[in-house]
Amino acid sequence: MSTIYLLHKPYRMLSQFTDDQGRDTLAQVIDVPGIYAAGRLDYDSEGLLLLTDDGALIHHISDPRHKQPKKYWVQVEGQPDKESLDALRQGVTLKDGPTRPAQVRMLGSPGVGPRQPPIRQRQGIATSWLELTLHEGRNRQVRRMTAHIGFPTLRLIRVAIGPWRLDGLSPGEWRSETLHAPRPANRRQASTRRTRRHR
């Protein structure tokens, strides 16, 4: 049996518990001893981060061979057309090679609150929301993919990793789940929810 913690990492927070430059860290929002992040989320990205004290589970979640799909809501500058979205669906070639095909669709407003500080937005240029699902995890991949097709990312929120979803968590809040099998795809049971809001 293992316990996994689902945390909504706020914007401009590191995916670690210490920092020698005075930046915000996970220690400000979750106080469970002995846990570590299974994978990372960029300092300037928001959303789901998984943590546990089970080293085998961290390896299983983080190892690209297990191909845990990661779903993102992405606010981009401009309004991508079908050709641009099809390019993401087919895979684009970045400096470190071609990406795998992504699942992508346009979203209406996803109903998330405003970011603090607000996104950079140029006067007279509309923004759009995409839902993007990747089956790989390169450095800053989503941002590089949307820039490649000409629509820079303004805001990035990870909403799911494999079977785990951000549902109901505000920035800085977390909940725990008890896993009754060693692999995430198997049966699991949610524990009593515990949350703490990032201030």
N, C-alpha and C. Protein backbone atom coordinates (compact mmCIF):
# COMPACT_ATOMS: atom_id res chain seq x y z
N MET A 1 0.85 -1.18 0.00
CA MET A 1 0.00 0.00 0.00
C MET A 1 0.89 1.24 0.00
N SER A 2 0.56 2.21 -0.84
CA SER A 2 1.32 3.46 -0.91
C SER A 2 0.34 4.63 -0.86
N THR A 3 0.87 5.78 -0.44
CA THR A 3 0.07 7.00 -0.45
C THR A 3 0.66 7.95 -1.47
N ILE A 4 -0.22 8.52 -2.28
CA ILE A 4 0.22 9.51 -3.26
C ILE A 4 -0.52 10.81 -2.98
N TYR A 5 0.19 11.91 -3.17
CA TYR A 5 -0.37 13.23 -2.89
C TYR A 5 -0.52 13.99 -4.20
N LEU A 6 -1.71 14.50 -4.45
CA LEU A 6 -2.01 15.28 -5.64
C LEU A 6 -2.02 16.75 -5.23
N LEU A 7 -1.12 17.51 -5.80
CA LEU A 7 -0.96 18.92 -5.43
C LEU A 7 -1.19 19.80 -6.64
N HIS A 8 -1.90 20.89 -6.46
CA HIS A 8 -2.03 21.92 -7.49
C HIS A 8 -0.90 22.92 -7.28
N LYS A 9 0.18 22.74 -8.03
CA LYS A 9 1.33 23.64 -7.89
C LYS A 9 0.98 25.02 -8.42
N PRO A 10 1.19 26.06 -7.63
CA PRO A 10 0.92 27.41 -8.12
C PRO A 10 1.97 27.88 -9.13
N TYR A 11 1.62 28.92 -9.83
CA TYR A 11 2.54 29.61 -10.74
C TYR A 11 3.72 30.17 -9.95
N ARG A 12 4.89 30.14 -10.59
CA ARG A 12 6.13 30.64 -9.98
C ARG A 12 6.44 29.97 -8.64
N MET A 13 6.39 28.65 -8.67
CA MET A 13 6.81 27.83 -7.54
C MET A 13 7.64 26.68 -8.08
N LEU A 14 8.76 26.37 -7.40
CA LEU A 14 9.61 25.26 -7.81
C LEU A 14 8.97 23.93 -7.43
N SER A 15 9.30 22.88 -8.19
CA SER A 15 8.80 21.53 -7.89
C SER A 15 9.75 20.81 -6.94
N GLN A 16 10.19 21.51 -5.91
CA GLN A 16 11.11 20.97 -4.91
C GLN A 16 10.87 21.70 -3.60
N PHE A 17 11.52 21.20 -2.53
CA PHE A 17 11.22 21.70 -1.20
C PHE A 17 12.22 22.73 -0.68
N THR A 18 13.32 22.91 -1.34
CA THR A 18 14.31 23.90 -0.89
C THR A 18 14.81 24.70 -2.08
N ASP A 19 15.31 25.90 -1.81
CA ASP A 19 15.90 26.73 -2.86
C ASP A 19 16.82 27.75 -2.20
N ASP A 20 18.02 27.89 -2.75
CA ASP A 20 18.97 28.83 -2.16
C ASP A 20 18.88 30.23 -2.75
N GLN A 21 17.86 30.45 -3.61
CA GLN A 21 17.67 31.77 -4.20
C GLN A 21 16.41 32.47 -3.69
N GLY A 22 15.76 31.88 -2.71
CA GLY A 22 14.61 32.52 -2.09
C GLY A 22 13.31 32.40 -2.87
N ARG A 23 13.25 31.51 -3.87
CA ARG A 23 12.01 31.34 -4.63
C ARG A 23 11.03 30.46 -3.86
N ASP A 24 9.75 30.58 -4.20
CA ASP A 24 8.73 29.76 -3.55
C ASP A 24 8.99 28.28 -3.83
N THR A 25 8.76 27.44 -2.82
CA THR A 25 8.95 26.00 -2.95
C THR A 25 7.73 25.25 -2.43
N LEU A 26 7.73 23.94 -2.62
CA LEU A 26 6.62 23.11 -2.17
C LEU A 26 6.45 23.14 -0.66
N ALA A 27 7.51 23.46 0.07
CA ALA A 27 7.42 23.50 1.53
C ALA A 27 6.40 24.53 2.01
N GLN A 28 6.05 25.48 1.15
CA GLN A 28 5.08 26.49 1.55
C GLN A 28 3.64 26.02 1.45
N VAL A 29 3.41 24.88 0.77
CA VAL A 29 2.03 24.46 0.56
C VAL A 29 1.73 23.03 1.02
N ILE A 30 2.76 22.20 1.25
CA ILE A 30 2.50 20.85 1.73
C ILE A 30 3.57 20.49 2.76
N ASP A 31 3.12 19.99 3.92
CA ASP A 31 4.04 19.79 5.05
C ASP A 31 4.15 18.31 5.43
N VAL A 32 4.01 17.42 4.46
CA VAL A 32 4.14 15.98 4.71
C VAL A 32 5.62 15.61 4.63
N PRO A 33 6.21 15.06 5.68
CA PRO A 33 7.65 14.75 5.64
C PRO A 33 7.98 13.56 4.75
N GLY A 34 9.15 13.59 4.14
CA GLY A 34 9.69 12.43 3.43
C GLY A 34 9.15 12.17 2.05
N ILE A 35 8.39 13.11 1.49
CA ILE A 35 7.84 12.88 0.15
C ILE A 35 8.64 13.67 -0.89
N TYR A 36 8.58 13.16 -2.12
CA TYR A 36 9.29 13.78 -3.23
C TYR A 36 8.37 13.79 -4.46
N ALA A 37 8.64 14.72 -5.36
CA ALA A 37 7.84 14.83 -6.57
C ALA A 37 8.18 13.72 -7.55
N ALA A 38 7.17 13.14 -8.15
CA ALA A 38 7.34 12.15 -9.22
C ALA A 38 7.27 12.91 -10.54
N GLY A 39 8.43 13.37 -11.01
CA GLY A 39 8.46 14.24 -12.18
C GLY A 39 8.46 15.69 -11.74
N ARG A 40 8.44 16.57 -12.71
CA ARG A 40 8.55 17.99 -12.41
C ARG A 40 7.50 18.78 -13.20
N LEU A 41 7.34 20.02 -12.80
CA LEU A 41 6.50 20.97 -13.51
C LEU A 41 7.24 22.29 -13.47
N ASP A 42 7.37 22.95 -14.62
CA ASP A 42 8.19 24.15 -14.71
C ASP A 42 7.76 25.21 -13.69
N TYR A 43 8.71 26.02 -13.29
CA TYR A 43 8.50 27.12 -12.36
C TYR A 43 7.35 28.02 -12.81
N ASP A 44 7.25 28.28 -14.13
CA ASP A 44 6.23 29.18 -14.64
C ASP A 44 4.99 28.46 -15.16
N SER A 45 4.83 27.18 -14.80
CA SER A 45 3.63 26.42 -15.14
C SER A 45 2.86 26.10 -13.86
N GLU A 46 1.59 25.79 -14.04
CA GLU A 46 0.70 25.51 -12.91
C GLU A 46 0.14 24.10 -13.05
N GLY A 47 -0.48 23.62 -11.98
CA GLY A 47 -1.26 22.41 -12.11
C GLY A 47 -0.74 21.21 -11.36
N LEU A 48 -1.13 20.02 -11.85
CA LEU A 48 -0.99 18.79 -11.10
C LEU A 48 0.46 18.35 -10.96
N LEU A 49 0.84 18.11 -9.71
CA LEU A 49 2.13 17.52 -9.38
C LEU A 49 1.85 16.36 -8.43
N LEU A 50 2.47 15.21 -8.69
CA LEU A 50 2.29 14.03 -7.85
C LEU A 50 3.49 13.85 -6.94
N LEU A 51 3.24 13.54 -5.67
CA LEU A 51 4.32 13.35 -4.70
C LEU A 51 4.05 12.08 -3.90
N THR A 52 5.13 11.41 -3.47
CA THR A 52 5.00 10.22 -2.65
C THR A 52 6.33 9.94 -1.97
N ASP A 53 6.32 9.05 -0.96
CA ASP A 53 7.57 8.60 -0.36
C ASP A 53 7.96 7.22 -0.86
N ASP A 54 7.24 6.69 -1.85
CA ASP A 54 7.47 5.37 -2.41
C ASP A 54 8.37 5.50 -3.64
N GLY A 55 9.65 5.12 -3.50
CA GLY A 55 10.60 5.28 -4.59
C GLY A 55 10.22 4.50 -5.83
N ALA A 56 9.69 3.29 -5.66
CA ALA A 56 9.29 2.48 -6.82
C ALA A 56 8.14 3.14 -7.57
N LEU A 57 7.22 3.74 -6.82
CA LEU A 57 6.09 4.42 -7.46
C LEU A 57 6.56 5.66 -8.20
N ILE A 58 7.50 6.41 -7.61
CA ILE A 58 8.06 7.58 -8.30
C ILE A 58 8.68 7.15 -9.61
N HIS A 59 9.44 6.07 -9.59
CA HIS A 59 10.08 5.58 -10.81
C HIS A 59 9.04 5.18 -11.85
N HIS A 60 7.98 4.50 -11.40
CA HIS A 60 6.95 4.04 -12.33
C HIS A 60 6.24 5.21 -13.00
N ILE A 61 5.94 6.24 -12.22
CA ILE A 61 5.24 7.39 -12.78
C ILE A 61 6.16 8.19 -13.70
N SER A 62 7.43 8.34 -13.31
CA SER A 62 8.35 9.21 -14.04
C SER A 62 8.97 8.55 -15.26
N ASP A 63 9.10 7.24 -15.26
CA ASP A 63 9.79 6.54 -16.33
C ASP A 63 9.02 6.67 -17.65
N PRO A 64 9.63 7.25 -18.70
CA PRO A 64 8.91 7.43 -19.97
C PRO A 64 8.48 6.12 -20.61
N ARG A 65 9.07 4.99 -20.22
CA ARG A 65 8.67 3.72 -20.80
C ARG A 65 7.25 3.35 -20.43
N HIS A 66 6.75 3.90 -19.32
CA HIS A 66 5.38 3.58 -18.90
C HIS A 66 4.36 4.51 -19.55
N LYS A 67 4.82 5.54 -20.23
CA LYS A 67 3.99 6.37 -21.10
C LYS A 67 2.73 6.88 -20.41
N GLN A 68 2.91 7.48 -19.23
CA GLN A 68 1.75 8.09 -18.56
C GLN A 68 1.33 9.32 -19.36
N PRO A 69 0.14 9.34 -19.95
CA PRO A 69 -0.27 10.54 -20.70
C PRO A 69 -0.43 11.72 -19.76
N LYS A 70 -0.04 12.89 -20.23
CA LYS A 70 -0.16 14.12 -19.45
C LYS A 70 -1.03 15.10 -20.23
N LYS A 71 -2.06 15.60 -19.56
CA LYS A 71 -3.03 16.48 -20.21
C LYS A 71 -2.86 17.90 -19.69
N TYR A 72 -2.87 18.86 -20.60
CA TYR A 72 -2.65 20.27 -20.27
C TYR A 72 -3.76 21.14 -20.84
N TRP A 73 -4.09 22.20 -20.12
CA TRP A 73 -4.87 23.29 -20.68
C TRP A 73 -3.90 24.42 -20.97
N VAL A 74 -3.92 24.89 -22.20
CA VAL A 74 -2.89 25.81 -22.67
C VAL A 74 -3.56 27.06 -23.25
N GLN A 75 -3.27 28.21 -22.69
CA GLN A 75 -3.75 29.47 -23.24
C GLN A 75 -2.66 30.01 -24.16
N VAL A 76 -3.01 30.23 -25.41
CA VAL A 76 -2.04 30.67 -26.40
C VAL A 76 -2.44 32.03 -26.96
N GLU A 77 -1.45 32.72 -27.49
CA GLU A 77 -1.71 33.99 -28.15
C GLU A 77 -2.18 33.71 -29.57
N GLY A 78 -3.34 34.30 -29.96
CA GLY A 78 -3.88 34.06 -31.28
C GLY A 78 -4.91 32.95 -31.28
N GLN A 79 -5.39 32.62 -32.48
CA GLN A 79 -6.43 31.61 -32.65
C GLN A 79 -5.97 30.59 -33.67
N PRO A 80 -5.44 29.45 -33.23
CA PRO A 80 -4.92 28.45 -34.17
C PRO A 80 -6.00 27.93 -35.11
N ASP A 81 -5.60 27.73 -36.36
CA ASP A 81 -6.53 27.17 -37.34
C ASP A 81 -6.35 25.65 -37.40
N LYS A 82 -7.18 25.00 -38.22
CA LYS A 82 -7.14 23.53 -38.31
C LYS A 82 -5.77 23.03 -38.75
N GLU A 83 -5.15 23.73 -39.67
CA GLU A 83 -3.84 23.31 -40.16
C GLU A 83 -2.80 23.30 -39.04
N SER A 84 -2.85 24.31 -38.19
CA SER A 84 -1.91 24.39 -37.07
C SER A 84 -2.16 23.27 -36.06
N LEU A 85 -3.43 23.01 -35.76
CA LEU A 85 -3.74 21.93 -34.82
C LEU A 85 -3.37 20.58 -35.40
N ASP A 86 -3.58 20.40 -36.70
CA ASP A 86 -3.22 19.13 -37.35
C ASP A 86 -1.71 18.90 -37.28
N ALA A 87 -0.94 19.97 -37.33
CA ALA A 87 0.52 19.82 -37.22
C ALA A 87 0.88 19.23 -35.86
N LEU A 88 0.21 19.68 -34.78
CA LEU A 88 0.47 19.12 -33.47
C LEU A 88 0.03 17.66 -33.40
N ARG A 89 -1.09 17.36 -34.06
CA ARG A 89 -1.61 15.99 -34.05
C ARG A 89 -0.67 15.02 -34.77
N GLN A 90 0.04 15.54 -35.75
CA GLN A 90 0.94 14.69 -36.52
C GLN A 90 2.33 14.63 -35.89
N GLY A 91 2.66 15.61 -35.06
CA GLY A 91 4.00 15.72 -34.49
C GLY A 91 4.79 16.78 -35.23
N VAL A 92 5.53 17.59 -34.49
CA VAL A 92 6.33 18.65 -35.09
C VAL A 92 7.80 18.36 -34.78
N THR A 93 8.69 18.94 -35.57
CA THR A 93 10.12 18.72 -35.38
C THR A 93 10.73 19.89 -34.63
N LEU A 94 11.21 19.62 -33.42
CA LEU A 94 11.87 20.63 -32.59
C LEU A 94 13.38 20.45 -32.69
N LYS A 95 14.13 21.28 -32.00
CA LYS A 95 15.59 21.20 -32.08
C LYS A 95 16.12 19.86 -31.60
N ASP A 96 15.40 19.21 -30.68
CA ASP A 96 15.84 17.92 -30.18
C ASP A 96 15.12 16.76 -30.86
N GLY A 97 14.55 17.03 -32.04
CA GLY A 97 13.95 15.96 -32.83
C GLY A 97 12.44 16.03 -32.90
N PRO A 98 11.84 15.13 -33.70
CA PRO A 98 10.38 15.14 -33.86
C PRO A 98 9.66 14.70 -32.60
N THR A 99 8.51 15.32 -32.35
CA THR A 99 7.68 14.92 -31.22
C THR A 99 6.75 13.79 -31.64
N ARG A 100 6.24 13.09 -30.67
CA ARG A 100 5.19 12.13 -30.95
C ARG A 100 3.89 12.89 -31.25
N PRO A 101 2.98 12.27 -31.97
CA PRO A 101 1.69 12.92 -32.19
C PRO A 101 1.00 13.25 -30.87
N ALA A 102 0.37 14.41 -30.83
CA ALA A 102 -0.35 14.84 -29.62
C ALA A 102 -1.84 14.82 -29.90
N GLN A 103 -2.62 14.65 -28.86
CA GLN A 103 -4.06 14.85 -28.95
C GLN A 103 -4.33 16.32 -28.63
N VAL A 104 -5.10 16.98 -29.46
CA VAL A 104 -5.33 18.41 -29.23
C VAL A 104 -6.74 18.77 -29.68
N ARG A 105 -7.37 19.65 -28.92
CA ARG A 105 -8.67 20.20 -29.31
C ARG A 105 -8.79 21.59 -28.75
N MET A 106 -9.62 22.39 -29.40
CA MET A 106 -9.91 23.73 -28.91
C MET A 106 -10.84 23.63 -27.70
N LEU A 107 -10.63 24.51 -26.73
CA LEU A 107 -11.50 24.61 -25.57
C LEU A 107 -12.22 25.94 -25.59
N GLY A 108 -13.42 25.97 -25.03
CA GLY A 108 -13.97 27.25 -24.66
C GLY A 108 -13.22 27.71 -23.41
N SER A 109 -13.70 28.67 -22.72
CA SER A 109 -13.06 29.05 -21.46
C SER A 109 -13.15 27.88 -20.50
N PRO A 110 -12.01 27.39 -19.96
CA PRO A 110 -12.06 26.21 -19.09
C PRO A 110 -12.54 26.52 -17.68
N GLY A 111 -12.86 27.77 -17.39
CA GLY A 111 -13.42 28.10 -16.08
C GLY A 111 -12.39 28.17 -14.97
N VAL A 112 -11.15 28.45 -15.32
CA VAL A 112 -10.12 28.62 -14.29
C VAL A 112 -10.07 30.09 -13.88
N GLY A 113 -9.66 30.33 -12.65
CA GLY A 113 -9.56 31.69 -12.17
C GLY A 113 -8.40 32.42 -12.81
N PRO A 114 -8.35 33.74 -12.69
CA PRO A 114 -7.24 34.51 -13.26
C PRO A 114 -5.93 34.17 -12.56
N ARG A 115 -4.85 34.26 -13.30
CA ARG A 115 -3.54 34.00 -12.73
C ARG A 115 -3.02 35.26 -12.06
N GLN A 116 -2.26 35.06 -11.01
CA GLN A 116 -1.60 36.19 -10.34
C GLN A 116 -0.08 35.98 -10.37
N PRO A 117 0.67 36.87 -11.03
CA PRO A 117 0.19 38.03 -11.79
C PRO A 117 -0.47 37.61 -13.09
N PRO A 118 -1.25 38.51 -13.71
CA PRO A 118 -1.96 38.17 -14.94
C PRO A 118 -0.99 37.84 -16.08
N ILE A 119 -1.52 37.15 -17.08
CA ILE A 119 -0.72 36.83 -18.26
C ILE A 119 -0.38 38.10 -19.03
N ARG A 120 0.69 38.01 -19.80
CA ARG A 120 1.05 39.09 -20.72
C ARG A 120 0.13 38.99 -21.94
N GLN A 121 -0.60 40.04 -22.24
CA GLN A 121 -1.54 40.02 -23.35
C GLN A 121 -1.41 41.30 -24.16
N ARG A 122 -1.22 41.14 -25.46
CA ARG A 122 -1.04 42.31 -26.33
C ARG A 122 -2.40 42.84 -26.79
N GLN A 123 -2.52 44.16 -26.80
CA GLN A 123 -3.79 44.79 -27.17
C GLN A 123 -4.17 44.40 -28.59
N GLY A 124 -5.42 44.03 -28.76
CA GLY A 124 -5.94 43.72 -30.09
C GLY A 124 -5.65 42.31 -30.56
N ILE A 125 -4.96 41.49 -29.76
CA ILE A 125 -4.68 40.11 -30.15
C ILE A 125 -5.41 39.18 -29.20
N ALA A 126 -6.32 38.39 -29.76
CA ALA A 126 -7.13 37.49 -28.94
C ALA A 126 -6.28 36.32 -28.43
N THR A 127 -6.78 35.64 -27.41
CA THR A 127 -6.13 34.42 -26.94
C THR A 127 -7.11 33.26 -27.08
N SER A 128 -6.57 32.05 -27.07
CA SER A 128 -7.38 30.84 -27.19
C SER A 128 -6.89 29.81 -26.18
N TRP A 129 -7.78 28.89 -25.82
CA TRP A 129 -7.42 27.77 -24.95
C TRP A 129 -7.43 26.47 -25.75
N LEU A 130 -6.40 25.66 -25.54
CA LEU A 130 -6.30 24.33 -26.13
C LEU A 130 -6.23 23.30 -25.01
N GLU A 131 -6.72 22.10 -25.30
CA GLU A 131 -6.45 20.95 -24.44
C GLU A 131 -5.48 20.06 -25.20
N LEU A 132 -4.33 19.80 -24.60
CA LEU A 132 -3.25 19.10 -25.29
C LEU A 132 -2.81 17.92 -24.43
N THR A 133 -2.78 16.73 -25.01
CA THR A 133 -2.34 15.53 -24.30
C THR A 133 -1.08 14.99 -24.96
N LEU A 134 -0.03 14.82 -24.14
CA LEU A 134 1.26 14.32 -24.62
C LEU A 134 1.56 12.97 -24.01
N HIS A 135 2.34 12.17 -24.74
CA HIS A 135 2.77 10.87 -24.26
C HIS A 135 4.28 10.83 -24.10
N GLU A 136 4.87 11.99 -23.93
CA GLU A 136 6.31 12.12 -23.67
C GLU A 136 6.50 13.38 -22.83
N GLY A 137 7.70 13.59 -22.32
CA GLY A 137 7.89 14.71 -21.40
C GLY A 137 9.23 15.40 -21.57
N ARG A 138 9.43 16.06 -22.67
CA ARG A 138 10.68 16.80 -22.87
C ARG A 138 10.63 18.14 -22.13
N ASN A 139 11.78 18.74 -21.97
CA ASN A 139 11.88 20.02 -21.30
C ASN A 139 11.09 21.10 -22.04
N ARG A 140 10.15 21.71 -21.34
CA ARG A 140 9.33 22.81 -21.86
C ARG A 140 8.69 22.46 -23.21
N GLN A 141 8.26 21.22 -23.32
CA GLN A 141 7.79 20.72 -24.62
C GLN A 141 6.54 21.44 -25.12
N VAL A 142 5.55 21.62 -24.26
CA VAL A 142 4.30 22.25 -24.71
C VAL A 142 4.58 23.65 -25.24
N ARG A 143 5.35 24.41 -24.50
CA ARG A 143 5.66 25.78 -24.93
C ARG A 143 6.40 25.79 -26.27
N ARG A 144 7.33 24.87 -26.44
CA ARG A 144 8.07 24.82 -27.69
C ARG A 144 7.19 24.38 -28.86
N MET A 145 6.25 23.48 -28.60
CA MET A 145 5.36 23.02 -29.66
C MET A 145 4.42 24.13 -30.13
N THR A 146 3.82 24.86 -29.20
CA THR A 146 2.90 25.92 -29.63
C THR A 146 3.65 27.07 -30.29
N ALA A 147 4.87 27.35 -29.82
CA ALA A 147 5.68 28.38 -30.48
C ALA A 147 6.04 27.95 -31.90
N HIS A 148 6.30 26.66 -32.07
CA HIS A 148 6.67 26.14 -33.39
C HIS A 148 5.58 26.39 -34.43
N ILE A 149 4.32 26.30 -34.00
CA ILE A 149 3.23 26.52 -34.96
C ILE A 149 2.79 27.99 -34.98
N GLY A 150 3.49 28.85 -34.25
CA GLY A 150 3.24 30.28 -34.33
C GLY A 150 2.26 30.84 -33.32
N PHE A 151 1.99 30.07 -32.24
CA PHE A 151 1.04 30.53 -31.23
C PHE A 151 1.67 30.34 -29.84
N PRO A 152 2.38 31.36 -29.36
CA PRO A 152 3.12 31.23 -28.09
C PRO A 152 2.20 30.94 -26.91
N THR A 153 2.69 30.12 -26.00
CA THR A 153 1.96 29.80 -24.78
C THR A 153 2.03 30.97 -23.81
N LEU A 154 0.88 31.37 -23.30
CA LEU A 154 0.79 32.43 -22.30
C LEU A 154 0.55 31.87 -20.89
N ARG A 155 -0.15 30.74 -20.84
CA ARG A 155 -0.46 30.12 -19.55
C ARG A 155 -0.56 28.62 -19.76
N LEU A 156 -0.02 27.86 -18.82
CA LEU A 156 0.03 26.41 -18.97
C LEU A 156 -0.38 25.76 -17.65
N ILE A 157 -1.43 24.93 -17.70
CA ILE A 157 -1.95 24.24 -16.52
C ILE A 157 -2.01 22.75 -16.81
N ARG A 158 -1.30 21.94 -16.03
CA ARG A 158 -1.40 20.49 -16.21
C ARG A 158 -2.59 19.99 -15.39
N VAL A 159 -3.51 19.30 -16.05
CA VAL A 159 -4.75 18.90 -15.39
C VAL A 159 -4.83 17.40 -15.13
N ALA A 160 -3.95 16.60 -15.73
CA ALA A 160 -4.01 15.15 -15.49
C ALA A 160 -2.66 14.52 -15.79
N ILE A 161 -2.34 13.48 -15.01
CA ILE A 161 -1.20 12.60 -15.27
C ILE A 161 -1.74 11.18 -15.16
N GLY A 162 -1.77 10.45 -16.27
CA GLY A 162 -2.35 9.11 -16.23
C GLY A 162 -3.76 9.16 -15.67
N PRO A 163 -4.06 8.34 -14.65
CA PRO A 163 -5.42 8.31 -14.10
C PRO A 163 -5.72 9.40 -13.09
N TRP A 164 -4.72 10.19 -12.73
CA TRP A 164 -4.91 11.21 -11.69
C TRP A 164 -5.27 12.55 -12.30
N ARG A 165 -6.25 13.23 -11.70
CA ARG A 165 -6.73 14.50 -12.22
C ARG A 165 -6.68 15.58 -11.14
N LEU A 166 -6.62 16.81 -11.62
CA LEU A 166 -6.54 17.98 -10.75
C LEU A 166 -7.88 18.31 -10.09
N ASP A 167 -8.94 17.67 -10.52
CA ASP A 167 -10.32 18.01 -10.16
C ASP A 167 -10.48 18.59 -8.75
N GLY A 168 -11.02 19.79 -8.69
CA GLY A 168 -11.44 20.38 -7.41
C GLY A 168 -10.35 21.01 -6.58
N LEU A 169 -9.10 20.97 -7.03
CA LEU A 169 -8.01 21.55 -6.26
C LEU A 169 -7.69 22.96 -6.76
N SER A 170 -7.67 23.92 -5.87
CA SER A 170 -7.23 25.27 -6.19
C SER A 170 -5.72 25.36 -6.03
N PRO A 171 -5.07 26.38 -6.60
CA PRO A 171 -3.62 26.51 -6.44
C PRO A 171 -3.20 26.47 -4.97
N GLY A 172 -2.21 25.62 -4.68
CA GLY A 172 -1.73 25.47 -3.32
C GLY A 172 -2.46 24.43 -2.49
N GLU A 173 -3.51 23.82 -3.04
CA GLU A 173 -4.25 22.79 -2.31
C GLU A 173 -3.79 21.40 -2.76
N TRP A 174 -4.01 20.42 -1.87
CA TRP A 174 -3.63 19.05 -2.18
C TRP A 174 -4.60 18.06 -1.54
N ARG A 175 -4.57 16.83 -2.03
CA ARG A 175 -5.31 15.73 -1.42
C ARG A 175 -4.47 14.46 -1.55
N SER A 176 -4.77 13.46 -0.75
CA SER A 176 -4.02 12.22 -0.79
C SER A 176 -4.92 11.07 -1.22
N GLU A 177 -4.30 10.06 -1.82
CA GLU A 177 -4.99 8.84 -2.20
C GLU A 177 -4.13 7.66 -1.76
N THR A 178 -4.80 6.60 -1.32
CA THR A 178 -4.12 5.37 -0.96
C THR A 178 -4.20 4.39 -2.11
N LEU A 179 -3.06 3.89 -2.53
CA LEU A 179 -3.00 2.91 -3.62
C LEU A 179 -2.92 1.53 -3.02
N HIS A 180 -3.78 0.63 -3.49
CA HIS A 180 -3.81 -0.73 -2.95
C HIS A 180 -3.10 -1.71 -3.86
N ALA A 181 -2.37 -1.19 -4.85
CA ALA A 181 -1.57 -2.04 -5.74
C ALA A 181 -0.37 -1.21 -6.15
N PRO A 182 0.74 -1.82 -6.56
CA PRO A 182 1.95 -1.06 -6.84
C PRO A 182 1.92 -0.23 -8.09
N ARG A 183 0.97 -0.47 -8.98
CA ARG A 183 0.97 0.27 -10.23
C ARG A 183 -0.22 1.20 -10.29
N PRO A 184 -0.03 2.42 -10.81
CA PRO A 184 -1.10 3.42 -10.82
C PRO A 184 -2.35 2.99 -11.56
N ALA A 185 -2.23 2.13 -12.56
CA ALA A 185 -3.39 1.76 -13.37
C ALA A 185 -4.32 0.84 -12.60
N ASN A 186 -3.84 0.24 -11.50
CA ASN A 186 -4.66 -0.68 -10.75
C ASN A 186 -5.53 0.06 -9.74
N ARG A 187 -6.28 -0.71 -8.98
CA ARG A 187 -7.28 -0.15 -8.09
C ARG A 187 -6.66 0.77 -7.05
N ARG A 188 -7.31 1.89 -6.81
CA ARG A 188 -6.87 2.80 -5.78
C ARG A 188 -8.08 3.38 -5.07
N GLN A 189 -7.88 3.93 -3.93
CA GLN A 189 -8.98 4.47 -3.14
C GLN A 189 -8.57 5.81 -2.59
N ALA A 190 -9.43 6.80 -2.74
CA ALA A 190 -9.13 8.13 -2.22
C ALA A 190 -9.26 8.14 -0.70
N SER A 191 -8.33 8.80 -0.06
CA SER A 191 -8.40 8.94 1.40
C SER A 191 -9.15 10.22 1.74
N THR A 192 -9.25 10.48 3.04
CA THR A 192 -9.84 11.74 3.47
C THR A 192 -9.07 12.90 2.87
N ARG A 193 -9.78 13.83 2.31
CA ARG A 193 -9.14 14.96 1.65
C ARG A 193 -8.58 15.93 2.67
N ARG A 194 -7.33 16.35 2.42
CA ARG A 194 -6.70 17.37 3.24
C ARG A 194 -6.18 18.44 2.31
N THR A 195 -6.48 19.66 2.60
CA THR A 195 -6.03 20.73 1.70
C THR A 195 -5.43 21.87 2.49
N ARG A 196 -4.58 22.59 1.80
CA ARG A 196 -4.00 23.79 2.37
C ARG A 196 -3.81 24.79 1.25
N ARG A 197 -4.31 25.97 1.42
CA ARG A 197 -4.27 26.98 0.36
C ARG A 197 -2.97 27.74 0.39
N HIS A 198 -2.35 27.90 -0.80
CA HIS A 198 -1.14 28.71 -0.92
C HIS A 198 -1.50 30.18 -0.80
N ARG A 199 -0.75 30.91 -0.02
CA ARG A 199 -1.02 32.34 0.17
C ARG A 199 0.10 33.15 -0.44
